[in-house]
Amino acid sequence: MDFDRTRWVQDMIRQGRKRPLPVLSFPGIQITGHTVEETVRSGRLQAECMKAVADRFDMAAVLGLMDLSVEAEAFGSPVRYSSQEVPTVTAAIIQEEEEAKALQVPEVGAGRTGECLEGIRKIAEVTEDRPVFAGMIGPYSLAGRLLDMTEIMILCYEEPEMVETVLEKVTGFLCDYARAFKEAGAHGIVMAEPAAGLLSPGLFREFSVPYVKRICQAAEEAGLVMIYHNCGMVEPLLGDIADIPAHGYSFGNAVNMETVLKQMPADRLVLGNIDPVGILRSGTPEAVKHAVTELLETCGKYDNFLLSSGCDIPPVTPLENLQAFFDAAETFYGKA
């Protein structure tokens, strides 16, 4: 499809009736009949899952699977698979400075990154009515999986050069990965950097922002929309997040969305933030409708607000709850 990213962002801001863009992909397994493990291991099944979601729900874009173990596994991390849960990294692979220096950067396409690229290629070939956005991890969050999430926080203080060594390597890989998604047919990237939400403002500026900016620049040069996702308690970091040159920013349910909107650029999309577990996964359709309506009544007056989930929606989230999410949005905008 012909796609102008600047026009798409502007149209999303100008439109009175806004289609939601939740982080919704894995629940498609309930429609395709395949397990999570089968799906994440196959580009073909990933495309089927994405198509099932796109056919069922009126989303603003088709989203690739948000599996934050993919890139770490390509670097050599061990991963636990499950039939109904998203894969997770189970152990660090770097403990010493020498191991950081010796870390080999994989080729894009290694491990399951090749299946993710194939999934985007296949879904892009059959999607004409909306853009296709791939999912990928952010640099600090990837480094944390390689070094251990708790350990990296300590290393930022005690051995910052070791952290920076890893960050340099993973950032180069992620820049190449973004370019490869463009070549596969993606129109945009949703980059998840949740681990950086645990950092102080000073450490955030040192160990996340510069590397995220480099990936944003690679995406910009490739002609991709970049949506930055951070589902942590990031209100102290909003000034720095607003300085990241993304086209949109996605936030979790730990923050107050109106507080966020007041501090973000009006010409950028701001997405959030229905609780994906407490409301969408575990609530009732009535609870979902109430939460969506309440959020839209507060934030719908901001032209750049786009209704979304606060994070990746779990695979076994009831489809009737997801339908209630979209129905509530349709009702709200139909009255507006």
C-alpha atoms as a PDB file:
ATOM      1  CA  MET A   1       0.000   0.000   0.000  1.00  0.00           C
ATOM      2  CA  ASP A   2       1.055   3.594  -0.548  1.00  0.00           C
ATOM      3  CA  PHE A   3       1.995   5.061   2.813  1.00  0.00           C
ATOM      4  CA  ASP A   4       3.065   8.541   3.839  1.00  0.00           C
ATOM      5  CA  ARG A   5       4.091   8.410   7.493  1.00  0.00           C
ATOM      6  CA  THR A   6       3.797  12.177   8.050  1.00  0.00           C
ATOM      7  CA  ARG A   7       0.310  12.229   6.600  1.00  0.00           C
ATOM      8  CA  TRP A   8      -0.670   9.150   8.616  1.00  0.00           C
ATOM      9  CA  VAL A   9       0.370  10.770  11.902  1.00  0.00           C
ATOM     10  CA  GLN A  10      -1.362  14.026  10.958  1.00  0.00           C
ATOM     11  CA  ASP A  11      -4.512  12.169   9.930  1.00  0.00           C
ATOM     12  CA  MET A  12      -4.568  10.255  13.208  1.00  0.00           C
ATOM     13  CA  ILE A  13      -4.406  13.568  15.073  1.00  0.00           C
ATOM     14  CA  ARG A  14      -6.996  15.339  12.913  1.00  0.00           C
ATOM     15  CA  GLN A  15      -9.575  12.555  12.723  1.00  0.00           C
ATOM     16  CA  GLY A  16     -12.638  12.960  14.876  1.00  0.00           C
ATOM     17  CA  ARG A  17     -13.315   9.233  15.006  1.00  0.00           C
ATOM     18  CA  LYS A  18     -10.092   7.593  16.066  1.00  0.00           C
ATOM     19  CA  ARG A  19      -9.438   3.893  15.651  1.00  0.00           C
ATOM     20  CA  PRO A  20      -7.690   2.472  18.736  1.00  0.00           C
ATOM     21  CA  LEU A  21      -4.202   1.014  18.574  1.00  0.00           C
ATOM     22  CA  PRO A  22      -3.838  -1.391  21.509  1.00  0.00           C
ATOM     23  CA  VAL A  23      -0.737  -3.581  21.787  1.00  0.00           C
ATOM     24  CA  LEU A  24      -2.810  -6.462  20.509  1.00  0.00           C
ATOM     25  CA  SER A  25      -1.393  -9.456  18.683  1.00  0.00           C
ATOM     26  CA  PHE A  26      -1.030 -12.620  20.770  1.00  0.00           C
ATOM     27  CA  PRO A  27      -4.761 -13.088  21.525  1.00  0.00           C
ATOM     28  CA  GLY A  28      -5.057 -13.960  17.841  1.00  0.00           C
ATOM     29  CA  ILE A  29      -3.960 -17.488  18.769  1.00  0.00           C
ATOM     30  CA  GLN A  30      -7.467 -18.041  20.094  1.00  0.00           C
ATOM     31  CA  ILE A  31      -8.734 -17.506  16.548  1.00  0.00           C
ATOM     32  CA  THR A  32      -6.006 -19.384  14.650  1.00  0.00           C
ATOM     33  CA  GLY A  33      -5.980 -22.347  17.044  1.00  0.00           C
ATOM     34  CA  HIS A  34      -2.186 -22.455  17.403  1.00  0.00           C
ATOM     35  CA  THR A  35      -0.203 -22.214  20.636  1.00  0.00           C
ATOM     36  CA  VAL A  36       2.019 -19.295  21.527  1.00  0.00           C
ATOM     37  CA  GLU A  37       5.114 -21.469  21.103  1.00  0.00           C
ATOM     38  CA  GLU A  38       4.052 -22.662  17.658  1.00  0.00           C
ATOM     39  CA  THR A  39       3.269 -19.109  16.607  1.00  0.00           C
ATOM     40  CA  VAL A  40       6.475 -17.429  17.756  1.00  0.00           C
ATOM     41  CA  ARG A  41       8.559 -20.087  16.018  1.00  0.00           C
ATOM     42  CA  SER A  42       6.893 -19.591  12.611  1.00  0.00           C
ATOM     43  CA  GLY A  43       6.729 -16.472  10.448  1.00  0.00           C
ATOM     44  CA  ARG A  44       3.765 -17.955   8.606  1.00  0.00           C
ATOM     45  CA  LEU A  45       1.813 -18.504  11.827  1.00  0.00           C
ATOM     46  CA  GLN A  46       2.738 -15.035  13.067  1.00  0.00           C
ATOM     47  CA  ALA A  47       1.238 -13.557   9.902  1.00  0.00           C
ATOM     48  CA  GLU A  48      -1.885 -15.686  10.378  1.00  0.00           C
ATOM     49  CA  CYS A  49      -2.181 -14.452  13.957  1.00  0.00           C
ATOM     50  CA  MET A  50      -1.790 -10.802  12.928  1.00  0.00           C
ATOM     51  CA  LYS A  51      -4.341 -11.208  10.159  1.00  0.00           C
ATOM     52  CA  ALA A  52      -6.823 -12.864  12.494  1.00  0.00           C
ATOM     53  CA  VAL A  53      -6.625  -9.892  14.859  1.00  0.00           C
ATOM     54  CA  ALA A  54      -6.844  -7.354  12.023  1.00  0.00           C
ATOM     55  CA  ASP A  55      -9.875  -9.093  10.524  1.00  0.00           C
ATOM     56  CA  ARG A  56     -11.646  -9.243  13.890  1.00  0.00           C
ATOM     57  CA  PHE A  57     -10.875  -5.807  15.336  1.00  0.00           C
ATOM     58  CA  ASP A  58     -10.869  -2.301  13.839  1.00  0.00           C
ATOM     59  CA  MET A  59      -7.326  -1.293  14.778  1.00  0.00           C
ATOM     60  CA  ALA A  60      -5.484   1.704  13.369  1.00  0.00           C
ATOM     61  CA  ALA A  61      -2.615  -0.541  12.260  1.00  0.00           C
ATOM     62  CA  VAL A  62      -1.654  -4.200  12.104  1.00  0.00           C
ATOM     63  CA  LEU A  63       0.847  -4.958  14.862  1.00  0.00           C
ATOM     64  CA  GLY A  64       3.592  -7.538  14.870  1.00  0.00           C
ATOM     65  CA  LEU A  65       3.971  -9.800  17.878  1.00  0.00           C
ATOM     66  CA  MET A  66       5.549  -8.026  20.867  1.00  0.00           C
ATOM     67  CA  ASP A  67       7.898 -10.802  22.001  1.00  0.00           C
ATOM     68  CA  LEU A  68      10.755  -9.262  23.978  1.00  0.00           C
ATOM     69  CA  SER A  69      12.784 -12.465  24.096  1.00  0.00           C
ATOM     70  CA  VAL A  70      13.464 -12.607  20.341  1.00  0.00           C
ATOM     71  CA  GLU A  71      16.465 -10.322  20.123  1.00  0.00           C
ATOM     72  CA  ALA A  72      18.095 -11.615  23.321  1.00  0.00           C
ATOM     73  CA  GLU A  73      17.755 -15.177  22.059  1.00  0.00           C
ATOM     74  CA  ALA A  74      19.510 -14.158  18.842  1.00  0.00           C
ATOM     75  CA  PHE A  75      22.410 -12.984  21.016  1.00  0.00           C
ATOM     76  CA  GLY A  76      22.483 -16.371  22.759  1.00  0.00           C
ATOM     77  CA  SER A  77      20.146 -16.002  25.749  1.00  0.00           C
ATOM     78  CA  PRO A  78      18.238 -19.094  26.928  1.00  0.00           C
ATOM     79  CA  VAL A  79      14.471 -18.751  26.551  1.00  0.00           C
ATOM     80  CA  ARG A  80      11.527 -20.549  28.154  1.00  0.00           C
ATOM     81  CA  TYR A  81       8.582 -21.321  25.855  1.00  0.00           C
ATOM     82  CA  SER A  82       4.970 -21.969  26.783  1.00  0.00           C
ATOM     83  CA  SER A  83       1.748 -22.819  25.009  1.00  0.00           C
ATOM     84  CA  GLN A  84      -0.185 -19.882  26.476  1.00  0.00           C
ATOM     85  CA  GLU A  85       2.427 -17.390  27.690  1.00  0.00           C
ATOM     86  CA  VAL A  86       4.856 -15.142  25.830  1.00  0.00           C
ATOM     87  CA  PRO A  87       8.440 -16.533  25.872  1.00  0.00           C
ATOM     88  CA  THR A  88      10.805 -15.221  28.546  1.00  0.00           C
ATOM     89  CA  VAL A  89      14.577 -15.026  28.931  1.00  0.00           C
ATOM     90  CA  THR A  90      15.668 -17.282  31.803  1.00  0.00           C
ATOM     91  CA  ALA A  91      19.298 -16.326  32.500  1.00  0.00           C
ATOM     92  CA  ALA A  92      21.939 -13.717  31.845  1.00  0.00           C
ATOM     93  CA  ILE A  93      24.766 -14.541  29.461  1.00  0.00           C
ATOM     94  CA  ILE A  94      27.202 -11.782  30.504  1.00  0.00           C
ATOM     95  CA  GLN A  95      28.728 -11.569  33.978  1.00  0.00           C
ATOM     96  CA  GLU A  96      32.164 -10.075  33.357  1.00  0.00           C
ATOM     97  CA  GLU A  97      33.651  -7.162  31.434  1.00  0.00           C
ATOM     98  CA  GLU A  98      35.560  -9.539  29.168  1.00  0.00           C
ATOM     99  CA  GLU A  99      32.329 -11.314  28.275  1.00  0.00           C
ATOM    100  CA  ALA A 100      30.777  -7.980  27.351  1.00  0.00           C
ATOM    101  CA  LYS A 101      33.711  -7.172  25.104  1.00  0.00           C
ATOM    102  CA  ALA A 102      33.589 -10.633  23.524  1.00  0.00           C
ATOM    103  CA  LEU A 103      29.845 -10.558  22.906  1.00  0.00           C
ATOM    104  CA  GLN A 104      29.196 -11.409  19.283  1.00  0.00           C
ATOM    105  CA  VAL A 105      26.580  -9.337  17.470  1.00  0.00           C
ATOM    106  CA  PRO A 106      24.356 -11.695  15.464  1.00  0.00           C
ATOM    107  CA  GLU A 107      23.326 -11.144  11.901  1.00  0.00           C
ATOM    108  CA  VAL A 108      19.806  -9.837  11.480  1.00  0.00           C
ATOM    109  CA  GLY A 109      17.770 -12.922  10.679  1.00  0.00           C
ATOM    110  CA  ALA A 110      19.520 -15.075  13.274  1.00  0.00           C
ATOM    111  CA  GLY A 111      17.325 -17.143  15.544  1.00  0.00           C
ATOM    112  CA  ARG A 112      13.698 -16.131  15.494  1.00  0.00           C
ATOM    113  CA  THR A 113      14.394 -12.644  14.149  1.00  0.00           C
ATOM    114  CA  GLY A 114      14.187 -14.243  10.724  1.00  0.00           C
ATOM    115  CA  GLU A 115      10.726 -15.622  11.515  1.00  0.00           C
ATOM    116  CA  CYS A 116       9.597 -12.197  12.738  1.00  0.00           C
ATOM    117  CA  LEU A 117      10.802 -10.621   9.502  1.00  0.00           C
ATOM    118  CA  GLU A 118       9.015 -13.315   7.519  1.00  0.00           C
ATOM    119  CA  GLY A 119       5.818 -12.707   9.465  1.00  0.00           C
ATOM    120  CA  ILE A 120       5.919  -9.003   8.643  1.00  0.00           C
ATOM    121  CA  ARG A 121       6.712  -9.756   5.009  1.00  0.00           C
ATOM    122  CA  LYS A 122       3.709 -12.075   4.699  1.00  0.00           C
ATOM    123  CA  ILE A 123       1.210  -9.814   6.471  1.00  0.00           C
ATOM    124  CA  ALA A 124       2.396  -6.755   4.529  1.00  0.00           C
ATOM    125  CA  GLU A 125       1.715  -8.595   1.278  1.00  0.00           C
ATOM    126  CA  VAL A 126      -1.973  -9.049   2.121  1.00  0.00           C
ATOM    127  CA  THR A 127      -2.722  -5.809   3.997  1.00  0.00           C
ATOM    128  CA  GLU A 128      -4.042  -2.847   2.016  1.00  0.00           C
ATOM    129  CA  ASP A 129      -6.336  -0.983   4.393  1.00  0.00           C
ATOM    130  CA  ARG A 130      -3.896   0.089   7.133  1.00  0.00           C
ATOM    131  CA  PRO A 131      -0.168   0.204   7.897  1.00  0.00           C
ATOM    132  CA  VAL A 132       1.814  -2.689   9.336  1.00  0.00           C
ATOM    133  CA  PHE A 133       3.958  -2.016  12.400  1.00  0.00           C
ATOM    134  CA  ALA A 134       6.617  -4.460  13.588  1.00  0.00           C
ATOM    135  CA  GLY A 135       7.494  -4.936  17.241  1.00  0.00           C
ATOM    136  CA  MET A 136      10.972  -4.863  18.716  1.00  0.00           C
ATOM    137  CA  ILE A 137      12.720  -4.349  22.024  1.00  0.00           C
ATOM    138  CA  GLY A 138      14.569  -1.193  23.089  1.00  0.00           C
ATOM    139  CA  PRO A 139      18.318  -1.034  23.751  1.00  0.00           C
ATOM    140  CA  TYR A 140      18.439  -0.804  27.542  1.00  0.00           C
ATOM    141  CA  SER A 141      15.756  -3.483  27.884  1.00  0.00           C
ATOM    142  CA  LEU A 142      17.746  -5.796  25.615  1.00  0.00           C
ATOM    143  CA  ALA A 143      20.988  -5.103  27.475  1.00  0.00           C
ATOM    144  CA  GLY A 144      19.161  -5.889  30.722  1.00  0.00           C
ATOM    145  CA  ARG A 145      18.161  -9.296  29.445  1.00  0.00           C
ATOM    146  CA  LEU A 146      21.753 -10.062  28.482  1.00  0.00           C
ATOM    147  CA  LEU A 147      23.230  -8.786  31.767  1.00  0.00           C
ATOM    148  CA  ASP A 148      20.286  -9.583  34.118  1.00  0.00           C
ATOM    149  CA  MET A 149      17.669  -6.983  34.950  1.00  0.00           C
ATOM    150  CA  THR A 150      18.756  -6.495  38.552  1.00  0.00           C
ATOM    151  CA  GLU A 151      22.461  -6.654  37.831  1.00  0.00           C
ATOM    152  CA  ILE A 152      22.366  -3.990  35.132  1.00  0.00           C
ATOM    153  CA  MET A 153      20.960  -1.475  37.630  1.00  0.00           C
ATOM    154  CA  ILE A 154      24.008  -2.043  39.858  1.00  0.00           C
ATOM    155  CA  LEU A 155      26.405  -2.024  36.926  1.00  0.00           C
ATOM    156  CA  CYS A 156      25.149   1.381  35.792  1.00  0.00           C
ATOM    157  CA  TYR A 157      26.763   2.725  38.967  1.00  0.00           C
ATOM    158  CA  GLU A 158      29.677   0.352  39.496  1.00  0.00           C
ATOM    159  CA  GLU A 159      30.771  -0.592  35.956  1.00  0.00           C
ATOM    160  CA  PRO A 160      29.153   1.846  33.536  1.00  0.00           C
ATOM    161  CA  GLU A 161      31.700   1.092  30.807  1.00  0.00           C
ATOM    162  CA  MET A 162      30.568  -2.553  30.787  1.00  0.00           C
ATOM    163  CA  VAL A 163      26.947  -1.498  30.328  1.00  0.00           C
ATOM    164  CA  GLU A 164      27.927   0.913  27.576  1.00  0.00           C
ATOM    165  CA  THR A 165      29.888  -1.812  25.787  1.00  0.00           C
ATOM    166  CA  VAL A 166      26.766  -3.966  25.649  1.00  0.00           C
ATOM    167  CA  LEU A 167      24.531  -1.025  24.726  1.00  0.00           C
ATOM    168  CA  GLU A 168      26.749  -0.124  21.785  1.00  0.00           C
ATOM    169  CA  LYS A 169      26.499  -3.642  20.417  1.00  0.00           C
ATOM    170  CA  VAL A 170      22.773  -4.101  20.871  1.00  0.00           C
ATOM    171  CA  THR A 171      22.018  -0.639  19.454  1.00  0.00           C
ATOM    172  CA  GLY A 172      23.863  -1.400  16.245  1.00  0.00           C
ATOM    173  CA  PHE A 173      21.927  -4.639  15.929  1.00  0.00           C
ATOM    174  CA  LEU A 174      18.574  -2.948  16.586  1.00  0.00           C
ATOM    175  CA  CYS A 175      19.275  -0.258  13.989  1.00  0.00           C
ATOM    176  CA  ASP A 176      19.919  -2.988  11.418  1.00  0.00           C
ATOM    177  CA  TYR A 177      16.828  -4.880  12.575  1.00  0.00           C
ATOM    178  CA  ALA A 178      14.642  -1.805  12.058  1.00  0.00           C
ATOM    179  CA  ARG A 179      16.022  -1.370   8.540  1.00  0.00           C
ATOM    180  CA  ALA A 180      15.327  -5.030   7.816  1.00  0.00           C
ATOM    181  CA  PHE A 181      11.705  -4.616   8.919  1.00  0.00           C
ATOM    182  CA  LYS A 182      11.385  -1.766   6.437  1.00  0.00           C
ATOM    183  CA  GLU A 183      12.751  -3.989   3.673  1.00  0.00           C
ATOM    184  CA  ALA A 184      10.257  -6.674   4.697  1.00  0.00           C
ATOM    185  CA  GLY A 185       7.385  -4.253   4.169  1.00  0.00           C
ATOM    186  CA  ALA A 186       6.787  -2.687   7.584  1.00  0.00           C
ATOM    187  CA  HIS A 187       5.541   0.898   7.718  1.00  0.00           C
ATOM    188  CA  GLY A 188       6.514   1.437  11.338  1.00  0.00           C
ATOM    189  CA  ILE A 189       8.053   0.084  14.523  1.00  0.00           C
ATOM    190  CA  VAL A 190       6.705  -0.145  18.045  1.00  0.00           C
ATOM    191  CA  MET A 191       9.838  -0.227  20.198  1.00  0.00           C
ATOM    192  CA  ALA A 192       9.356  -1.392  23.788  1.00  0.00           C
ATOM    193  CA  GLU A 193      11.831  -0.017  26.327  1.00  0.00           C
ATOM    194  CA  PRO A 194      10.095  -0.879  29.628  1.00  0.00           C
ATOM    195  CA  ALA A 195      13.205  -1.644  31.689  1.00  0.00           C
ATOM    196  CA  ALA A 196      14.369   1.946  31.246  1.00  0.00           C
ATOM    197  CA  GLY A 197      11.325   3.063  33.211  1.00  0.00           C
ATOM    198  CA  LEU A 198      13.107   1.826  36.349  1.00  0.00           C
ATOM    199  CA  LEU A 199      15.997   4.261  35.910  1.00  0.00           C
ATOM    200  CA  SER A 200      16.458   7.604  37.620  1.00  0.00           C
ATOM    201  CA  PRO A 201      16.276  10.620  35.291  1.00  0.00           C
ATOM    202  CA  GLY A 202      20.062  10.895  35.249  1.00  0.00           C
ATOM    203  CA  LEU A 203      20.640   7.251  34.432  1.00  0.00           C
ATOM    204  CA  PHE A 204      17.789   7.321  31.915  1.00  0.00           C
ATOM    205  CA  ARG A 205      19.522  10.141  30.058  1.00  0.00           C
ATOM    206  CA  GLU A 206      22.833   8.264  30.140  1.00  0.00           C
ATOM    207  CA  PHE A 207      21.898   4.636  29.491  1.00  0.00           C
ATOM    208  CA  SER A 208      18.714   4.736  27.426  1.00  0.00           C
ATOM    209  CA  VAL A 209      17.953   8.006  25.641  1.00  0.00           C
ATOM    210  CA  PRO A 210      21.112   8.324  23.475  1.00  0.00           C
ATOM    211  CA  TYR A 211      20.769   4.753  22.221  1.00  0.00           C
ATOM    212  CA  VAL A 212      17.030   5.061  21.619  1.00  0.00           C
ATOM    213  CA  LYS A 213      17.695   8.231  19.622  1.00  0.00           C
ATOM    214  CA  ARG A 214      20.112   6.356  17.372  1.00  0.00           C
ATOM    215  CA  ILE A 215      17.488   3.715  16.625  1.00  0.00           C
ATOM    216  CA  CYS A 216      14.906   6.445  15.995  1.00  0.00           C
ATOM    217  CA  GLN A 217      17.346   8.034  13.553  1.00  0.00           C
ATOM    218  CA  ALA A 218      17.795   4.730  11.725  1.00  0.00           C
ATOM    219  CA  ALA A 219      14.015   4.380  11.528  1.00  0.00           C
ATOM    220  CA  GLU A 220      13.706   7.961  10.297  1.00  0.00           C
ATOM    221  CA  GLU A 221      16.237   7.375   7.548  1.00  0.00           C
ATOM    222  CA  ALA A 222      14.379   4.206   6.554  1.00  0.00           C
ATOM    223  CA  GLY A 223      11.074   6.060   6.336  1.00  0.00           C
ATOM    224  CA  LEU A 224       9.433   4.252   9.270  1.00  0.00           C
ATOM    225  CA  VAL A 225       6.966   5.523  11.840  1.00  0.00           C
ATOM    226  CA  MET A 226       8.506   5.049  15.285  1.00  0.00           C
ATOM    227  CA  ILE A 227       6.319   4.559  18.344  1.00  0.00           C
ATOM    228  CA  TYR A 228       8.209   4.476  21.632  1.00  0.00           C
ATOM    229  CA  HIS A 229       6.619   2.316  24.348  1.00  0.00           C
ATOM    230  CA  ASN A 230       7.491   2.483  28.022  1.00  0.00           C
ATOM    231  CA  CYS A 231       4.998   0.999  30.470  1.00  0.00           C
ATOM    232  CA  GLY A 232       6.869   1.911  33.660  1.00  0.00           C
ATOM    233  CA  MET A 233       6.164   4.639  36.201  1.00  0.00           C
ATOM    234  CA  VAL A 234       7.756   7.232  33.936  1.00  0.00           C
ATOM    235  CA  GLU A 235       6.220  10.512  35.082  1.00  0.00           C
ATOM    236  CA  PRO A 236       9.635  11.754  36.357  1.00  0.00           C
ATOM    237  CA  LEU A 237      11.062  10.933  32.899  1.00  0.00           C
ATOM    238  CA  LEU A 238       8.443  12.631  30.715  1.00  0.00           C
ATOM    239  CA  GLY A 239      10.609  15.619  29.800  1.00  0.00           C
ATOM    240  CA  ASP A 240      13.327  13.302  28.521  1.00  0.00           C
ATOM    241  CA  ILE A 241      10.838  11.028  26.741  1.00  0.00           C
ATOM    242  CA  ALA A 242       9.368  14.047  24.965  1.00  0.00           C
ATOM    243  CA  ASP A 243      12.872  14.765  23.654  1.00  0.00           C
ATOM    244  CA  ILE A 244      13.034  11.348  21.950  1.00  0.00           C
ATOM    245  CA  PRO A 245      12.331  11.931  18.229  1.00  0.00           C
ATOM    246  CA  ALA A 246       9.534   9.389  17.890  1.00  0.00           C
ATOM    247  CA  HIS A 247       6.250   9.905  16.043  1.00  0.00           C
ATOM    248  CA  GLY A 248       4.296   8.540  18.988  1.00  0.00           C
ATOM    249  CA  TYR A 249       4.699   7.564  22.620  1.00  0.00           C
ATOM    250  CA  SER A 250       2.904   4.664  24.300  1.00  0.00           C
ATOM    251  CA  PHE A 251       2.445   4.543  28.073  1.00  0.00           C
ATOM    252  CA  GLY A 252       1.363   1.992  30.658  1.00  0.00           C
ATOM    253  CA  ASN A 253      -1.336   2.056  33.280  1.00  0.00           C
ATOM    254  CA  ALA A 254       1.170   3.076  35.984  1.00  0.00           C
ATOM    255  CA  VAL A 255       0.850   6.705  34.858  1.00  0.00           C
ATOM    256  CA  ASN A 256      -1.972   9.231  34.694  1.00  0.00           C
ATOM    257  CA  MET A 257      -2.651   9.724  30.991  1.00  0.00           C
ATOM    258  CA  GLU A 258      -3.834  13.305  31.285  1.00  0.00           C
ATOM    259  CA  THR A 259      -0.685  14.205  33.208  1.00  0.00           C
ATOM    260  CA  VAL A 260       1.309  12.616  30.393  1.00  0.00           C
ATOM    261  CA  LEU A 261      -0.620  14.357  27.631  1.00  0.00           C
ATOM    262  CA  LYS A 262      -0.011  17.775  29.148  1.00  0.00           C
ATOM    263  CA  GLN A 263       3.749  17.206  28.917  1.00  0.00           C
ATOM    264  CA  MET A 264       4.054  15.585  25.500  1.00  0.00           C
ATOM    265  CA  PRO A 265       4.313  17.375  22.129  1.00  0.00           C
ATOM    266  CA  ALA A 266       0.892  18.115  20.630  1.00  0.00           C
ATOM    267  CA  ASP A 267       2.070  17.094  17.159  1.00  0.00           C
ATOM    268  CA  ARG A 268       3.000  13.563  18.289  1.00  0.00           C
ATOM    269  CA  LEU A 269       0.657  10.677  19.035  1.00  0.00           C
ATOM    270  CA  VAL A 270       0.245   9.704  22.685  1.00  0.00           C
ATOM    271  CA  LEU A 271      -1.106   6.199  23.295  1.00  0.00           C
ATOM    272  CA  GLY A 272      -2.441   4.482  26.406  1.00  0.00           C
ATOM    273  CA  ASN A 273      -3.321   3.100  28.837  1.00  0.00           C
ATOM    274  CA  ILE A 274      -6.023   0.554  29.731  1.00  0.00           C
ATOM    275  CA  ASP A 275      -4.671  -2.051  32.166  1.00  0.00           C
ATOM    276  CA  PRO A 276      -3.967  -5.131  30.003  1.00  0.00           C
ATOM    277  CA  VAL A 277      -4.117  -7.602  32.900  1.00  0.00           C
ATOM    278  CA  GLY A 278      -6.386  -6.213  35.602  1.00  0.00           C
ATOM    279  CA  ILE A 279      -9.004  -4.899  33.160  1.00  0.00           C
ATOM    280  CA  LEU A 280      -8.617  -6.540  29.753  1.00  0.00           C
ATOM    281  CA  ARG A 281      -7.438  -9.987  30.847  1.00  0.00           C
ATOM    282  CA  SER A 282      -9.210 -10.373  34.188  1.00  0.00           C
ATOM    283  CA  GLY A 283     -12.141  -7.959  34.018  1.00  0.00           C
ATOM    284  CA  THR A 284     -15.638  -8.312  32.596  1.00  0.00           C
ATOM    285  CA  PRO A 285     -16.867  -6.719  29.357  1.00  0.00           C
ATOM    286  CA  GLU A 286     -18.754  -4.208  31.512  1.00  0.00           C
ATOM    287  CA  ALA A 287     -15.582  -3.338  33.435  1.00  0.00           C
ATOM    288  CA  VAL A 288     -13.695  -2.906  30.149  1.00  0.00           C
ATOM    289  CA  LYS A 289     -16.379  -0.594  28.743  1.00  0.00           C
ATOM    290  CA  HIS A 290     -16.392   1.465  31.943  1.00  0.00           C
ATOM    291  CA  ALA A 291     -12.581   1.841  31.970  1.00  0.00           C
ATOM    292  CA  VAL A 292     -12.420   2.786  28.278  1.00  0.00           C
ATOM    293  CA  THR A 293     -15.270   5.286  28.553  1.00  0.00           C
ATOM    294  CA  GLU A 294     -13.768   6.888  31.647  1.00  0.00           C
ATOM    295  CA  LEU A 295     -10.372   7.224  29.984  1.00  0.00           C
ATOM    296  CA  LEU A 296     -11.816   8.667  26.778  1.00  0.00           C
ATOM    297  CA  GLU A 297     -13.967  11.155  28.684  1.00  0.00           C
ATOM    298  CA  THR A 298     -10.791  12.424  30.341  1.00  0.00           C
ATOM    299  CA  CYS A 299      -8.325  12.220  27.460  1.00  0.00           C
ATOM    300  CA  GLY A 300     -10.451  12.164  24.311  1.00  0.00           C
ATOM    301  CA  LYS A 301     -10.425  15.960  24.196  1.00  0.00           C
ATOM    302  CA  TYR A 302      -6.718  15.856  23.346  1.00  0.00           C
ATOM    303  CA  ASP A 303      -6.437  15.572  19.557  1.00  0.00           C
ATOM    304  CA  ASN A 304      -3.217  13.571  19.723  1.00  0.00           C
ATOM    305  CA  PHE A 305      -4.550  10.947  22.151  1.00  0.00           C
ATOM    306  CA  LEU A 306      -4.996   7.448  20.785  1.00  0.00           C
ATOM    307  CA  LEU A 307      -6.712   4.789  22.870  1.00  0.00           C
ATOM    308  CA  SER A 308      -4.456   1.819  23.572  1.00  0.00           C
ATOM    309  CA  SER A 309      -3.632  -0.800  26.153  1.00  0.00           C
ATOM    310  CA  GLY A 310      -1.045  -0.032  28.786  1.00  0.00           C
ATOM    311  CA  CYS A 311       1.159  -2.871  27.544  1.00  0.00           C
ATOM    312  CA  ASP A 312       1.068  -6.081  25.524  1.00  0.00           C
ATOM    313  CA  ILE A 313      -2.295  -7.803  25.921  1.00  0.00           C
ATOM    314  CA  PRO A 314      -1.915 -11.392  27.263  1.00  0.00           C
ATOM    315  CA  PRO A 315      -2.579 -14.232  24.811  1.00  0.00           C
ATOM    316  CA  VAL A 316      -5.551 -15.702  26.696  1.00  0.00           C
ATOM    317  CA  THR A 317      -7.402 -12.414  27.166  1.00  0.00           C
ATOM    318  CA  PRO A 318     -11.105 -13.070  26.520  1.00  0.00           C
ATOM    319  CA  LEU A 319     -12.078 -11.992  23.022  1.00  0.00           C
ATOM    320  CA  GLU A 320     -15.363 -10.596  24.360  1.00  0.00           C
ATOM    321  CA  ASN A 321     -13.358  -8.220  26.554  1.00  0.00           C
ATOM    322  CA  LEU A 322     -11.397  -7.061  23.536  1.00  0.00           C
ATOM    323  CA  GLN A 323     -14.616  -6.546  21.609  1.00  0.00           C
ATOM    324  CA  ALA A 324     -15.950  -4.489  24.525  1.00  0.00           C
ATOM    325  CA  PHE A 325     -12.812  -2.326  24.301  1.00  0.00           C
ATOM    326  CA  PHE A 326     -13.462  -1.507  20.642  1.00  0.00           C
ATOM    327  CA  ASP A 327     -17.209  -1.167  21.119  1.00  0.00           C
ATOM    328  CA  ALA A 328     -16.731   1.373  23.898  1.00  0.00           C
ATOM    329  CA  ALA A 329     -14.407   3.413  21.703  1.00  0.00           C
ATOM    330  CA  GLU A 330     -16.896   3.300  18.832  1.00  0.00           C
ATOM    331  CA  THR A 331     -19.704   4.417  21.133  1.00  0.00           C
ATOM    332  CA  PHE A 332     -17.646   7.302  22.511  1.00  0.00           C
ATOM    333  CA  TYR A 333     -16.566   8.645  19.155  1.00  0.00           C
ATOM    334  CA  GLY A 334     -20.020   8.089  17.707  1.00  0.00           C
ATOM    335  CA  LYS A 335     -21.402  10.493  20.294  1.00  0.00           C
ATOM    336  CA  ALA A 336     -18.589  13.026  19.902  1.00  0.00           C
END
